[in-house]
Amino acid sequence: MAQRTEAAGATLKEANMINKSLTTLGAVMRTLEAVSNKKTTHIRYRDSKLTFLLKDSLGGNSQTSIIATVSPSADCFDETVSTLKVRRACV
C-alpha cells in the first residue's frame, strides 16, 4: 500500500501508526467476543491510544457500531476485501 500511495517520511510514519491502531482495534474486538464467550478475561486496551481512548465505549454495558468504507474500484479491491473480512470477523 505504501508503494502505491508513494507515502514517505512523516506521512508514512503516520500511516503506519494508524494501521497499528486499527489492527489493535480489531484484536480488541475479537478479544471482547472471546470474553463474552467466557474464553478469556484480559483485554489489551493499552496496546494503542485508539483502543485506550475507546475503552469505555467498547467494553462494559455498551453497544458499538462500526462503519466500513469500501470501494467498487478495481484499484481498491484488496483493501475492500480486507475491510470486509475484518468486519465479518468482528460480528
N, C-alpha and C. Protein backbone atom coordinates (compact mmCIF):
# COMPACT_ATOMS: atom_id res chain seq x y z
N MET A 1 0.82 -1.19 0.00
CA MET A 1 0.00 0.00 0.00
C MET A 1 0.87 1.26 0.00
N ALA A 2 1.94 1.26 0.79
CA ALA A 2 2.80 2.44 0.88
C ALA A 2 3.44 2.76 -0.47
N GLN A 3 3.77 1.73 -1.23
CA GLN A 3 4.36 1.96 -2.55
C GLN A 3 3.35 2.60 -3.48
N ARG A 4 2.11 2.15 -3.41
CA ARG A 4 1.08 2.68 -4.30
C ARG A 4 0.75 4.13 -3.98
N THR A 5 0.74 4.48 -2.71
CA THR A 5 0.42 5.86 -2.32
C THR A 5 1.63 6.76 -2.38
N GLU A 6 2.81 6.16 -2.49
CA GLU A 6 4.07 6.89 -2.50
C GLU A 6 4.26 7.74 -1.25
N ALA A 7 3.71 7.26 -0.14
CA ALA A 7 3.88 7.95 1.14
C ALA A 7 5.33 7.78 1.60
N ALA A 8 5.85 8.84 2.20
CA ALA A 8 7.22 8.80 2.70
C ALA A 8 7.34 9.72 3.91
N GLY A 9 8.40 9.52 4.66
CA GLY A 9 8.68 10.40 5.79
C GLY A 9 7.59 10.38 6.84
N ALA A 10 7.18 11.57 7.26
CA ALA A 10 6.19 11.72 8.33
C ALA A 10 4.83 11.13 7.94
N THR A 11 4.48 11.23 6.67
CA THR A 11 3.20 10.67 6.20
C THR A 11 3.19 9.16 6.32
N LEU A 12 4.29 8.53 5.95
CA LEU A 12 4.40 7.07 6.06
C LEU A 12 4.37 6.64 7.52
N LYS A 13 5.06 7.39 8.38
CA LYS A 13 5.06 7.07 9.80
C LYS A 13 3.65 7.18 10.39
N GLU A 14 2.93 8.23 10.00
CA GLU A 14 1.55 8.40 10.46
C GLU A 14 0.65 7.27 9.97
N ALA A 15 0.80 6.88 8.71
CA ALA A 15 0.02 5.78 8.15
C ALA A 15 0.29 4.48 8.90
N ASN A 16 1.55 4.23 9.24
CA ASN A 16 1.90 3.03 9.99
C ASN A 16 1.26 3.04 11.38
N MET A 17 1.24 4.20 12.02
CA MET A 17 0.61 4.31 13.35
C MET A 17 -0.90 4.08 13.26
N ILE A 18 -1.53 4.62 12.22
CA ILE A 18 -2.96 4.42 12.02
C ILE A 18 -3.25 2.94 11.80
N ASN A 19 -2.47 2.29 10.96
CA ASN A 19 -2.66 0.86 10.70
C ASN A 19 -2.47 0.03 11.97
N LYS A 20 -1.49 0.39 12.79
CA LYS A 20 -1.28 -0.32 14.05
C LYS A 20 -2.49 -0.16 14.96
N SER A 21 -3.02 1.06 15.04
CA SER A 21 -4.19 1.30 15.89
C SER A 21 -5.40 0.52 15.41
N LEU A 22 -5.60 0.48 14.10
CA LEU A 22 -6.75 -0.25 13.55
C LEU A 22 -6.59 -1.75 13.73
N THR A 23 -5.38 -2.25 13.60
CA THR A 23 -5.11 -3.67 13.85
C THR A 23 -5.39 -4.01 15.30
N THR A 24 -4.95 -3.14 16.20
CA THR A 24 -5.20 -3.34 17.62
C THR A 24 -6.68 -3.28 17.93
N LEU A 25 -7.41 -2.37 17.29
CA LEU A 25 -8.86 -2.28 17.47
C LEU A 25 -9.53 -3.60 17.09
N GLY A 26 -9.12 -4.18 15.97
CA GLY A 26 -9.67 -5.47 15.55
C GLY A 26 -9.36 -6.56 16.56
N ALA A 27 -8.14 -6.55 17.10
CA ALA A 27 -7.76 -7.56 18.10
C ALA A 27 -8.58 -7.39 19.37
N VAL A 28 -8.80 -6.15 19.79
CA VAL A 28 -9.60 -5.90 20.99
C VAL A 28 -11.03 -6.37 20.77
N MET A 29 -11.58 -6.12 19.60
CA MET A 29 -12.95 -6.54 19.32
C MET A 29 -13.06 -8.07 19.32
N ARG A 30 -12.06 -8.76 18.78
CA ARG A 30 -12.07 -10.23 18.81
C ARG A 30 -11.95 -10.73 20.26
N THR A 31 -11.13 -10.04 21.06
CA THR A 31 -10.99 -10.42 22.46
C THR A 31 -12.29 -10.18 23.23
N LEU A 32 -12.99 -9.09 22.93
CA LEU A 32 -14.28 -8.83 23.57
C LEU A 32 -15.27 -9.95 23.27
N GLU A 33 -15.22 -10.46 22.05
CA GLU A 33 -16.08 -11.59 21.70
C GLU A 33 -15.70 -12.82 22.52
N ALA A 34 -14.40 -13.06 22.67
CA ALA A 34 -13.93 -14.20 23.47
C ALA A 34 -14.34 -14.03 24.93
N VAL A 35 -14.30 -12.81 25.44
CA VAL A 35 -14.73 -12.55 26.82
C VAL A 35 -16.21 -12.86 26.97
N SER A 36 -17.00 -12.45 25.98
CA SER A 36 -18.44 -12.72 26.07
C SER A 36 -18.75 -14.22 26.01
N ASN A 37 -17.84 -14.98 25.41
CA ASN A 37 -18.00 -16.44 25.36
C ASN A 37 -17.25 -17.13 26.51
N LYS A 38 -16.74 -16.30 27.45
CA LYS A 38 -16.02 -16.79 28.63
C LYS A 38 -14.77 -17.59 28.29
N LYS A 39 -14.09 -17.22 27.20
CA LYS A 39 -12.87 -17.91 26.79
C LYS A 39 -11.62 -17.19 27.30
N THR A 40 -11.74 -15.93 27.69
CA THR A 40 -10.61 -15.16 28.21
C THR A 40 -11.16 -14.04 29.09
N THR A 41 -10.26 -13.39 29.83
CA THR A 41 -10.71 -12.30 30.69
C THR A 41 -9.93 -11.01 30.49
N HIS A 42 -8.76 -11.07 29.86
CA HIS A 42 -7.91 -9.88 29.72
C HIS A 42 -8.06 -9.23 28.35
N ILE A 43 -8.36 -7.95 28.34
CA ILE A 43 -8.50 -7.19 27.10
C ILE A 43 -7.38 -6.16 27.06
N ARG A 44 -6.61 -6.14 25.97
CA ARG A 44 -5.43 -5.30 25.88
C ARG A 44 -5.76 -3.91 25.28
N TYR A 45 -6.50 -3.12 26.03
CA TYR A 45 -6.87 -1.78 25.59
C TYR A 45 -5.66 -0.86 25.47
N ARG A 46 -4.63 -1.08 26.26
CA ARG A 46 -3.47 -0.18 26.30
C ARG A 46 -2.49 -0.37 25.15
N ASP A 47 -2.76 -1.28 24.24
CA ASP A 47 -1.85 -1.53 23.13
C ASP A 47 -1.83 -0.38 22.11
N SER A 48 -2.84 0.47 22.12
CA SER A 48 -2.82 1.65 21.25
C SER A 48 -3.62 2.76 21.91
N LYS A 49 -3.33 3.97 21.53
CA LYS A 49 -4.07 5.12 22.07
C LYS A 49 -5.54 5.04 21.68
N LEU A 50 -5.82 4.58 20.47
CA LEU A 50 -7.20 4.48 20.00
C LEU A 50 -8.03 3.57 20.90
N THR A 51 -7.54 2.38 21.15
CA THR A 51 -8.31 1.44 21.97
C THR A 51 -8.36 1.90 23.42
N PHE A 52 -7.32 2.55 23.90
CA PHE A 52 -7.33 3.06 25.27
C PHE A 52 -8.40 4.14 25.42
N LEU A 53 -8.49 5.03 24.43
CA LEU A 53 -9.49 6.09 24.48
C LEU A 53 -10.91 5.56 24.31
N LEU A 54 -11.07 4.48 23.56
CA LEU A 54 -12.39 3.91 23.31
C LEU A 54 -12.79 2.83 24.31
N LYS A 55 -11.96 2.62 25.32
CA LYS A 55 -12.20 1.53 26.28
C LYS A 55 -13.63 1.54 26.82
N ASP A 56 -14.12 2.67 27.29
CA ASP A 56 -15.46 2.74 27.86
C ASP A 56 -16.55 2.51 26.82
N SER A 57 -16.28 2.88 25.58
CA SER A 57 -17.27 2.70 24.51
C SER A 57 -17.30 1.27 23.98
N LEU A 58 -16.17 0.58 24.07
CA LEU A 58 -16.09 -0.77 23.52
C LEU A 58 -16.51 -1.84 24.52
N GLY A 59 -16.12 -1.67 25.78
CA GLY A 59 -16.40 -2.68 26.79
C GLY A 59 -17.56 -2.27 27.67
N GLY A 60 -17.83 -3.10 28.64
CA GLY A 60 -18.89 -2.79 29.58
C GLY A 60 -20.26 -2.97 28.99
N ASN A 61 -21.17 -2.15 29.44
CA ASN A 61 -22.57 -2.26 29.04
C ASN A 61 -22.85 -1.27 27.90
N SER A 62 -22.30 -1.54 26.75
CA SER A 62 -22.48 -0.63 25.61
C SER A 62 -22.66 -1.43 24.34
N GLN A 63 -23.19 -0.76 23.34
CA GLN A 63 -23.30 -1.33 22.00
C GLN A 63 -22.48 -0.43 21.08
N THR A 64 -21.68 -1.05 20.24
CA THR A 64 -20.80 -0.29 19.35
C THR A 64 -21.08 -0.67 17.91
N SER A 65 -21.14 0.33 17.05
CA SER A 65 -21.31 0.09 15.62
C SER A 65 -20.04 0.51 14.90
N ILE A 66 -19.72 -0.22 13.86
CA ILE A 66 -18.55 0.10 13.04
C ILE A 66 -19.05 0.37 11.63
N ILE A 67 -18.56 1.45 11.05
CA ILE A 67 -18.88 1.77 9.66
C ILE A 67 -17.63 1.49 8.83
N ALA A 68 -17.77 0.65 7.83
CA ALA A 68 -16.64 0.30 6.97
C ALA A 68 -16.80 1.02 5.63
N THR A 69 -15.71 1.59 5.17
CA THR A 69 -15.70 2.26 3.87
C THR A 69 -15.09 1.32 2.85
N VAL A 70 -15.84 1.03 1.80
CA VAL A 70 -15.36 0.15 0.74
C VAL A 70 -15.51 0.87 -0.61
N SER A 71 -14.84 0.33 -1.61
CA SER A 71 -14.85 0.97 -2.92
C SER A 71 -15.16 -0.05 -4.01
N PRO A 72 -15.93 0.35 -5.01
CA PRO A 72 -16.19 -0.55 -6.14
C PRO A 72 -15.03 -0.58 -7.15
N SER A 73 -14.04 0.27 -6.93
CA SER A 73 -12.92 0.37 -7.86
C SER A 73 -12.03 -0.87 -7.81
N ALA A 74 -11.63 -1.34 -8.98
CA ALA A 74 -10.73 -2.49 -9.05
C ALA A 74 -9.39 -2.18 -8.39
N ASP A 75 -8.99 -0.91 -8.40
CA ASP A 75 -7.73 -0.50 -7.78
C ASP A 75 -7.75 -0.71 -6.26
N CYS A 76 -8.92 -0.72 -5.68
CA CYS A 76 -9.07 -0.84 -4.22
C CYS A 76 -9.56 -2.22 -3.79
N PHE A 77 -9.53 -3.18 -4.70
CA PHE A 77 -10.09 -4.50 -4.42
C PHE A 77 -9.50 -5.13 -3.17
N ASP A 78 -8.17 -5.17 -3.06
CA ASP A 78 -7.52 -5.83 -1.93
C ASP A 78 -7.91 -5.18 -0.60
N GLU A 79 -7.93 -3.85 -0.57
CA GLU A 79 -8.29 -3.14 0.66
C GLU A 79 -9.75 -3.38 1.02
N THR A 80 -10.63 -3.41 0.02
CA THR A 80 -12.05 -3.64 0.27
C THR A 80 -12.27 -5.04 0.83
N VAL A 81 -11.64 -6.03 0.23
CA VAL A 81 -11.78 -7.41 0.72
C VAL A 81 -11.24 -7.51 2.15
N SER A 82 -10.11 -6.89 2.42
CA SER A 82 -9.53 -6.90 3.76
C SER A 82 -10.47 -6.27 4.77
N THR A 83 -11.07 -5.14 4.42
CA THR A 83 -12.01 -4.47 5.31
C THR A 83 -13.21 -5.34 5.60
N LEU A 84 -13.75 -5.97 4.57
CA LEU A 84 -14.92 -6.82 4.76
C LEU A 84 -14.60 -8.06 5.58
N LYS A 85 -13.41 -8.61 5.46
CA LYS A 85 -13.02 -9.77 6.26
C LYS A 85 -12.90 -9.38 7.73
N VAL A 86 -12.34 -8.24 8.02
CA VAL A 86 -12.23 -7.78 9.40
C VAL A 86 -13.62 -7.55 9.96
N ARG A 87 -14.48 -6.92 9.21
CA ARG A 87 -15.85 -6.64 9.64
C ARG A 87 -16.56 -7.95 9.98
N ARG A 88 -16.40 -8.94 9.12
CA ARG A 88 -17.07 -10.22 9.30
C ARG A 88 -16.55 -10.92 10.55
N ALA A 89 -15.24 -10.80 10.81
CA ALA A 89 -14.65 -11.46 11.97
C ALA A 89 -15.10 -10.84 13.28
N CYS A 90 -15.52 -9.59 13.24
CA CYS A 90 -15.89 -8.89 14.47
C CYS A 90 -17.38 -8.99 14.78
N VAL A 91 -18.17 -9.56 13.91
CA VAL A 91 -19.61 -9.63 14.14
C VAL A 91 -19.92 -10.60 15.25
